C-alpha atoms as a PDB file:
ATOM      1  CA  MET A   1      97.778  99.299  95.307  1.00  0.00           C
ATOM      2  CA  LYS A   2      95.434  98.995  92.427  1.00  0.00           C
ATOM      3  CA  LEU A   3      95.382  99.157  88.659  1.00  0.00           C
ATOM      4  CA  VAL A   4      92.454 101.230  87.324  1.00  0.00           C
ATOM      5  CA  VAL A   5      91.616 100.265  83.743  1.00  0.00           C
ATOM      6  CA  ALA A   6      89.045 102.436  81.933  1.00  0.00           C
ATOM      7  CA  ILE A   7      87.639 101.725  78.452  1.00  0.00           C
ATOM      8  CA  VAL A   8      86.139 104.957  77.144  1.00  0.00           C
ATOM      9  CA  ARG A   9      84.956 106.602  73.932  1.00  0.00           C
ATOM     10  CA  PRO A  10      87.795 108.099  71.886  1.00  0.00           C
ATOM     11  CA  ASP A  11      85.966 111.551  71.881  1.00  0.00           C
ATOM     12  CA  ARG A  12      85.856 111.581  75.610  1.00  0.00           C
ATOM     13  CA  VAL A  13      89.682 111.038  76.314  1.00  0.00           C
ATOM     14  CA  SER A  14      90.508 114.731  76.624  1.00  0.00           C
ATOM     15  CA  ALA A  15      87.721 115.272  79.148  1.00  0.00           C
ATOM     16  CA  VAL A  16      88.916 112.241  81.080  1.00  0.00           C
ATOM     17  CA  LEU A  17      92.532 113.472  81.103  1.00  0.00           C
ATOM     18  CA  GLU A  18      91.427 116.939  82.173  1.00  0.00           C
ATOM     19  CA  GLU A  19      89.462 115.435  85.096  1.00  0.00           C
ATOM     20  CA  LEU A  20      92.517 113.206  86.109  1.00  0.00           C
ATOM     21  CA  TYR A  21      94.715 116.324  86.122  1.00  0.00           C
ATOM     22  CA  LYS A  22      92.273 118.176  88.281  1.00  0.00           C
ATOM     23  CA  ALA A  23      92.224 115.258  90.743  1.00  0.00           C
ATOM     24  CA  GLU A  24      95.963 115.233  90.815  1.00  0.00           C
ATOM     25  CA  VAL A  25      96.117 111.672  89.356  1.00  0.00           C
ATOM     26  CA  GLN A  26      99.298 111.296  87.398  1.00  0.00           C
ATOM     27  CA  GLY A  27     100.937 108.586  85.413  1.00  0.00           C
ATOM     28  CA  LEU A  28      98.926 106.666  82.892  1.00  0.00           C
ATOM     29  CA  THR A  29      98.975 104.602  79.833  1.00  0.00           C
ATOM     30  CA  LEU A  30      96.789 105.111  76.811  1.00  0.00           C
ATOM     31  CA  SER A  31      96.041 102.597  74.133  1.00  0.00           C
ATOM     32  CA  ARG A  32      93.616 102.291  71.090  1.00  0.00           C
ATOM     33  CA  VAL A  33      91.546  99.212  71.401  1.00  0.00           C
ATOM     34  CA  GLN A  34      88.501  97.605  69.646  1.00  0.00           C
ATOM     35  CA  GLY A  35      85.623  95.788  71.206  1.00  0.00           C
ATOM     36  CA  HIS A  36      81.893  95.643  71.809  1.00  0.00           C
ATOM     37  CA  GLY A  37      79.609  95.702  74.803  1.00  0.00           C
ATOM     38  CA  GLY A  38      76.101  97.121  75.176  1.00  0.00           C
ATOM     39  CA  GLU A  39      76.034  98.726  71.755  1.00  0.00           C
ATOM     40  CA  ARG A  40      73.750  97.141  69.206  1.00  0.00           C
ATOM     41  CA  GLU A  41      75.616  94.588  67.204  1.00  0.00           C
ATOM     42  CA  HIS A  42      75.485  93.979  63.572  1.00  0.00           C
ATOM     43  CA  VAL A  43      75.296  90.221  63.016  1.00  0.00           C
ATOM     44  CA  GLU A  44      75.518  88.527  59.624  1.00  0.00           C
ATOM     45  CA  THR A  45      75.455  84.938  58.539  1.00  0.00           C
ATOM     46  CA  TYR A  46      78.623  83.958  56.706  1.00  0.00           C
ATOM     47  CA  ARG A  47      79.051  80.387  55.553  1.00  0.00           C
ATOM     48  CA  GLY A  48      76.244  79.250  57.813  1.00  0.00           C
ATOM     49  CA  MET A  49      77.867  80.859  60.865  1.00  0.00           C
ATOM     50  CA  SER A  50      76.582  84.016  62.799  1.00  0.00           C
ATOM     51  CA  VAL A  51      79.440  86.678  62.803  1.00  0.00           C
ATOM     52  CA  LYS A  52      79.501  89.954  64.607  1.00  0.00           C
ATOM     53  CA  MET A  53      80.611  92.418  62.033  1.00  0.00           C
ATOM     54  CA  GLU A  54      81.415  95.544  63.853  1.00  0.00           C
ATOM     55  CA  LEU A  55      83.754  96.378  66.637  1.00  0.00           C
ATOM     56  CA  SER A  56      83.725  99.868  68.206  1.00  0.00           C
ATOM     57  CA  GLU A  57      86.819 102.025  68.528  1.00  0.00           C
ATOM     58  CA  LYS A  58      87.581 102.621  72.169  1.00  0.00           C
ATOM     59  CA  MET A  59      90.467 104.031  74.262  1.00  0.00           C
ATOM     60  CA  ARG A  60      91.916 102.028  77.198  1.00  0.00           C
ATOM     61  CA  ILE A  61      93.421 104.039  80.046  1.00  0.00           C
ATOM     62  CA  GLU A  62      95.501 102.279  82.602  1.00  0.00           C
ATOM     63  CA  ILE A  63      96.454 104.010  85.841  1.00  0.00           C
ATOM     64  CA  GLY A  64      98.526 102.428  88.712  1.00  0.00           C
ATOM     65  CA  VAL A  65      97.476 104.108  91.998  1.00  0.00           C
ATOM     66  CA  SER A  66      98.014 103.753  95.725  1.00  0.00           C
ATOM     67  CA  ASN A  67      94.847 102.680  97.531  1.00  0.00           C
ATOM     68  CA  HIS A  68      93.812 106.245  98.739  1.00  0.00           C
ATOM     69  CA  PHE A  69      93.798 107.377  94.984  1.00  0.00           C
ATOM     70  CA  VAL A  70      91.443 104.641  93.758  1.00  0.00           C
ATOM     71  CA  GLU A  71      88.150 106.565  94.418  1.00  0.00           C
ATOM     72  CA  PRO A  72      89.378 109.914  93.225  1.00  0.00           C
ATOM     73  CA  THR A  73      90.637 108.196  90.011  1.00  0.00           C
ATOM     74  CA  VAL A  74      87.386 106.339  89.435  1.00  0.00           C
ATOM     75  CA  GLN A  75      85.359 109.494  90.060  1.00  0.00           C
ATOM     76  CA  ALA A  76      87.517 111.545  87.721  1.00  0.00           C
ATOM     77  CA  VAL A  77      87.091 109.082  84.969  1.00  0.00           C
ATOM     78  CA  LEU A  78      83.270 108.919  85.492  1.00  0.00           C
ATOM     79  CA  ARG A  79      83.060 112.755  85.297  1.00  0.00           C
ATOM     80  CA  GLY A  80      85.144 112.843  82.172  1.00  0.00           C
ATOM     81  CA  ALA A  81      83.722 109.828  80.245  1.00  0.00           C
ATOM     82  CA  ARG A  82      79.979 109.751  81.066  1.00  0.00           C
ATOM     83  CA  THR A  83      77.571 110.850  78.294  1.00  0.00           C
ATOM     84  CA  GLY A  84      74.626 108.860  79.466  1.00  0.00           C
ATOM     85  CA  GLU A  85      74.493 106.852  76.259  1.00  0.00           C
ATOM     86  CA  VAL A  86      75.053 103.154  75.596  1.00  0.00           C
ATOM     87  CA  GLY A  87      78.760 102.588  74.956  1.00  0.00           C
ATOM     88  CA  ASP A  88      80.271 105.011  77.536  1.00  0.00           C
ATOM     89  CA  GLY A  89      82.582 102.210  78.598  1.00  0.00           C
ATOM     90  CA  LYS A  90      83.721 100.415  81.829  1.00  0.00           C
ATOM     91  CA  ILE A  91      86.054 101.008  84.638  1.00  0.00           C
ATOM     92  CA  PHE A  92      87.900  97.905  86.229  1.00  0.00           C
ATOM     93  CA  VAL A  93      89.847  98.144  89.438  1.00  0.00           C
ATOM     94  CA  LEU A  94      92.339  95.282  89.764  1.00  0.00           C
ATOM     95  CA  PRO A  95      94.709  94.420  92.682  1.00  0.00           C
ATOM     96  CA  VAL A  96      98.403  94.933  92.033  1.00  0.00           C
ATOM     97  CA  GLU A  97     100.767  92.559  93.716  1.00  0.00           C
ATOM     98  CA  LYS A  98     104.082  94.473  93.059  1.00  0.00           C
ATOM     99  CA  VAL A  99     105.315  97.557  91.378  1.00  0.00           C
ATOM    100  CA  VAL A 100     108.945  98.435  90.647  1.00  0.00           C
ATOM    101  CA  ARG A 101     110.125 101.704  89.394  1.00  0.00           C
ATOM    102  CA  ILE A 102     112.726 100.768  86.913  1.00  0.00           C
ATOM    103  CA  ARG A 103     114.839 103.940  87.029  1.00  0.00           C
ATOM    104  CA  THR A 104     115.359 103.947  90.896  1.00  0.00           C
ATOM    105  CA  GLY A 105     114.445 100.365  92.060  1.00  0.00           C
ATOM    106  CA  GLU A 106     111.674 101.840  94.288  1.00  0.00           C
ATOM    107  CA  VAL A 107     108.937  99.353  94.979  1.00  0.00           C
ATOM    108  CA  ASP A 108     105.257  99.270  95.705  1.00  0.00           C
ATOM    109  CA  GLU A 109     103.663 102.559  97.014  1.00  0.00           C
ATOM    110  CA  SER A 110     106.767 104.675  96.378  1.00  0.00           C
ATOM    111  CA  ALA A 111     106.835 103.413  92.863  1.00  0.00           C
ATOM    112  CA  VAL A 112     103.380 104.560  92.023  1.00  0.00           C
ATOM    113  CA  THR A 113     103.654 107.918  93.677  1.00  0.00           C
ATOM    114  CA  PRO A 114     104.588 110.602  91.236  1.00  0.00           C
ATOM    115  CA  VAL A 115     108.138 111.941  91.509  1.00  0.00           C
ATOM    116  CA  GLN A 116     109.286 115.495  90.737  1.00  0.00           C
ATOM    117  CA  MET A 117     111.580 115.593  87.794  1.00  0.00           C
ATOM    118  CA  ALA A 118     114.948 117.420  88.314  1.00  0.00           C
ATOM    119  CA  LYS A 119     115.290 120.704  86.499  1.00  0.00           C
END
């Protein structure tokens, strides 16, 4: 099992979600975050110290997936998020030691596999 964490431009979130839907990747968490990476930074001197003055608004998408869904998830995020410009973001793939679905007590692979909701 893996946790795929993507940091993307806010204006690309809809495209990423659409690509994830097409790839049948379900279940995610979305958060607003701030940070900086390869974008040009604005640095000022304040009381003798250099201070980075600007952080970029980004969106953090976290998706817990079973191992066979890692590559489809990564490719879906790439298709949706890529503009070719500096600041497109990053994708991190992290190992997951254990997952427990709170509602049912299912663990690991069965806890990250989507379930059908009763109608």
